[in-house]
Amino acid sequence: MPEDSSPEGGVYEWYRRGVELLGEGHPAAAATLLARAAAAEPGSRSILEALGRAQYDAGRYPEAMAAFTTLTAVNPTDDYAHFGLGLAASKAGELRVAAEHLALAVAMRPDLGHYARALRGVRARQAADSA
């Protein structure tokens, strides 16, 4: 983690700095700081989303799945949470879980082409695996 990434202050400052680190290309450092914020505020949707994104970008796909799973439990109608869970599950090799959550995201937001493209990609991988 870069030296200045552990700010003083409370949860909001940790969240803000974590999002900054993510934007600056330091997802592992962001994930560490955002995990601290999530532990302090476990029901915060914005913290959980940022944590899941940071974990995904850091290649920590099972951890990202856990963050996005928690987020879908907090708000089952959050299309982005289902999309994030689907992407993380796909990277973790959990294609059934990926297809399920990507399909939910597509159903909620059929206007977002990247959701549908991700679902098609997972279904193609499933078909290839079963062939």
Protein backbone atom coordinates (compact mmCIF):
# COMPACT_ATOMS: atom_id res chain seq x y z
CA MET A 1 0.00 0.00 0.00
CA PRO A 2 1.41 3.44 -0.82
CA GLU A 3 2.61 5.33 2.24
CA ASP A 4 -0.13 7.93 2.30
CA SER A 5 -3.00 5.47 1.86
CA SER A 6 -3.87 5.00 5.54
CA PRO A 7 -5.57 8.25 6.45
CA GLU A 8 -6.47 9.40 9.87
CA GLY A 9 -10.09 9.99 10.57
CA GLY A 10 -13.13 7.88 10.26
CA VAL A 11 -14.95 5.65 7.87
CA TYR A 12 -15.79 8.38 5.37
CA GLU A 13 -12.13 9.37 5.02
CA TRP A 14 -11.15 5.71 4.59
CA TYR A 15 -13.82 5.31 1.93
CA ARG A 16 -12.77 8.45 0.06
CA ARG A 17 -9.09 7.50 0.13
CA GLY A 18 -9.92 3.94 -0.93
CA VAL A 19 -11.85 5.22 -3.95
CA GLU A 20 -8.95 7.55 -4.77
CA LEU A 21 -6.49 4.66 -4.62
CA LEU A 22 -8.74 2.60 -6.88
CA GLY A 23 -8.89 5.45 -9.38
CA GLU A 24 -5.11 5.86 -9.23
CA GLY A 25 -4.56 2.21 -10.17
CA HIS A 26 -3.81 0.77 -6.72
CA PRO A 27 -6.64 -1.75 -6.29
CA ALA A 28 -4.91 -3.91 -3.67
CA ALA A 29 -4.24 -0.91 -1.44
CA ALA A 30 -7.77 0.32 -2.05
CA ALA A 31 -9.18 -3.08 -1.11
CA THR A 32 -7.25 -3.08 2.17
CA LEU A 33 -8.50 0.35 3.16
CA LEU A 34 -12.06 -0.30 1.96
CA ALA A 35 -12.15 -3.58 3.90
CA ARG A 36 -11.40 -1.54 7.03
CA ALA A 37 -14.26 0.81 6.16
CA ALA A 38 -16.61 -2.11 5.42
CA ALA A 39 -15.80 -3.70 8.78
CA ALA A 40 -16.77 -0.46 10.50
CA GLU A 41 -19.91 0.08 8.36
CA PRO A 42 -20.96 -3.40 7.13
CA GLY A 43 -24.28 -2.25 5.69
CA SER A 44 -22.94 0.61 3.58
CA ARG A 45 -23.82 0.00 -0.05
CA SER A 46 -21.29 2.50 -1.41
CA ILE A 47 -18.44 1.00 0.62
CA LEU A 48 -19.37 -2.57 -0.36
CA GLU A 49 -19.56 -1.64 -4.03
CA ALA A 50 -16.17 0.10 -3.96
CA LEU A 51 -14.68 -2.83 -2.02
CA GLY A 52 -15.99 -5.35 -4.55
CA ARG A 53 -14.61 -3.28 -7.43
CA ALA A 54 -11.20 -2.97 -5.74
CA GLN A 55 -11.03 -6.69 -4.97
CA TYR A 56 -12.05 -7.52 -8.55
CA ASP A 57 -9.43 -5.17 -10.00
CA ALA A 58 -6.81 -6.68 -7.66
CA GLY A 59 -7.63 -10.17 -8.99
CA ARG A 60 -9.15 -11.27 -5.68
CA TYR A 61 -12.20 -12.81 -7.34
CA PRO A 62 -13.52 -14.94 -4.44
CA GLU A 63 -13.30 -11.90 -2.14
CA ALA A 64 -15.05 -9.74 -4.74
CA MET A 65 -17.77 -12.39 -4.99
CA ALA A 66 -18.26 -12.17 -1.23
CA ALA A 67 -18.52 -8.37 -1.29
CA PHE A 68 -21.00 -8.37 -4.17
CA THR A 69 -22.98 -11.22 -2.57
CA THR A 70 -23.32 -9.11 0.58
CA LEU A 71 -24.35 -6.17 -1.56
CA THR A 72 -27.07 -8.21 -3.31
CA ALA A 73 -28.33 -9.31 0.10
CA VAL A 74 -28.51 -5.69 1.29
CA ASN A 75 -30.26 -4.60 -1.93
CA PRO A 76 -31.54 -7.48 -4.11
CA THR A 77 -32.61 -5.07 -6.87
CA ASP A 78 -29.13 -3.59 -7.36
CA ASP A 79 -28.35 -4.49 -10.96
CA TYR A 80 -24.70 -3.41 -10.65
CA ALA A 81 -24.20 -5.70 -7.64
CA HIS A 82 -25.51 -8.65 -9.65
CA PHE A 83 -23.30 -7.62 -12.58
CA GLY A 84 -20.23 -7.37 -10.35
CA LEU A 85 -21.00 -10.71 -8.74
CA GLY A 86 -21.42 -12.27 -12.18
CA LEU A 87 -18.10 -10.90 -13.45
CA ALA A 88 -16.22 -11.97 -10.32
CA ALA A 89 -17.81 -15.44 -10.43
CA SER A 90 -16.84 -15.76 -14.09
CA LYS A 91 -13.21 -14.93 -13.31
CA ALA A 92 -13.30 -17.38 -10.38
CA GLY A 93 -14.51 -20.12 -12.73
CA GLU A 94 -17.98 -20.28 -11.14
CA LEU A 95 -19.84 -20.13 -14.44
CA ARG A 96 -23.25 -21.24 -13.11
CA VAL A 97 -23.22 -18.48 -10.49
CA ALA A 98 -21.90 -16.03 -13.08
CA ALA A 99 -24.68 -16.82 -15.57
CA GLU A 100 -27.37 -16.58 -12.89
CA HIS A 101 -26.33 -13.13 -11.68
CA LEU A 102 -25.51 -11.74 -15.10
CA ALA A 103 -28.96 -12.87 -16.29
CA LEU A 104 -30.52 -11.02 -13.35
CA ALA A 105 -28.53 -7.90 -14.20
CA VAL A 106 -29.63 -8.11 -17.84
CA ALA A 107 -33.26 -8.60 -16.81
CA MET A 108 -33.07 -5.53 -14.58
CA ARG A 109 -31.23 -3.37 -17.11
CA PRO A 110 -31.74 -4.69 -20.65
CA ASP A 111 -30.60 -1.31 -21.97
CA LEU A 112 -26.99 -1.90 -20.86
CA GLY A 113 -25.20 -3.72 -23.65
CA HIS A 114 -22.14 -4.60 -21.59
CA TYR A 115 -24.34 -6.63 -19.24
CA ALA A 116 -25.69 -8.67 -22.15
CA ARG A 117 -22.20 -9.10 -23.67
CA ALA A 118 -20.86 -10.44 -20.37
CA LEU A 119 -23.76 -12.90 -20.13
CA ARG A 120 -23.22 -14.11 -23.71
CA GLY A 121 -19.54 -14.64 -22.95
CA VAL A 122 -20.28 -16.75 -19.88
CA ARG A 123 -22.90 -18.79 -21.72
CA ALA A 124 -20.43 -19.41 -24.54
CA ARG A 125 -17.87 -20.65 -22.02
CA GLN A 126 -20.52 -22.92 -20.45
CA ALA A 127 -21.38 -24.34 -23.87
CA ALA A 128 -17.70 -24.91 -24.67
CA ASP A 129 -17.17 -26.64 -21.33
CA SER A 130 -20.10 -28.98 -21.91
CA ALA A 131 -19.13 -29.82 -25.50
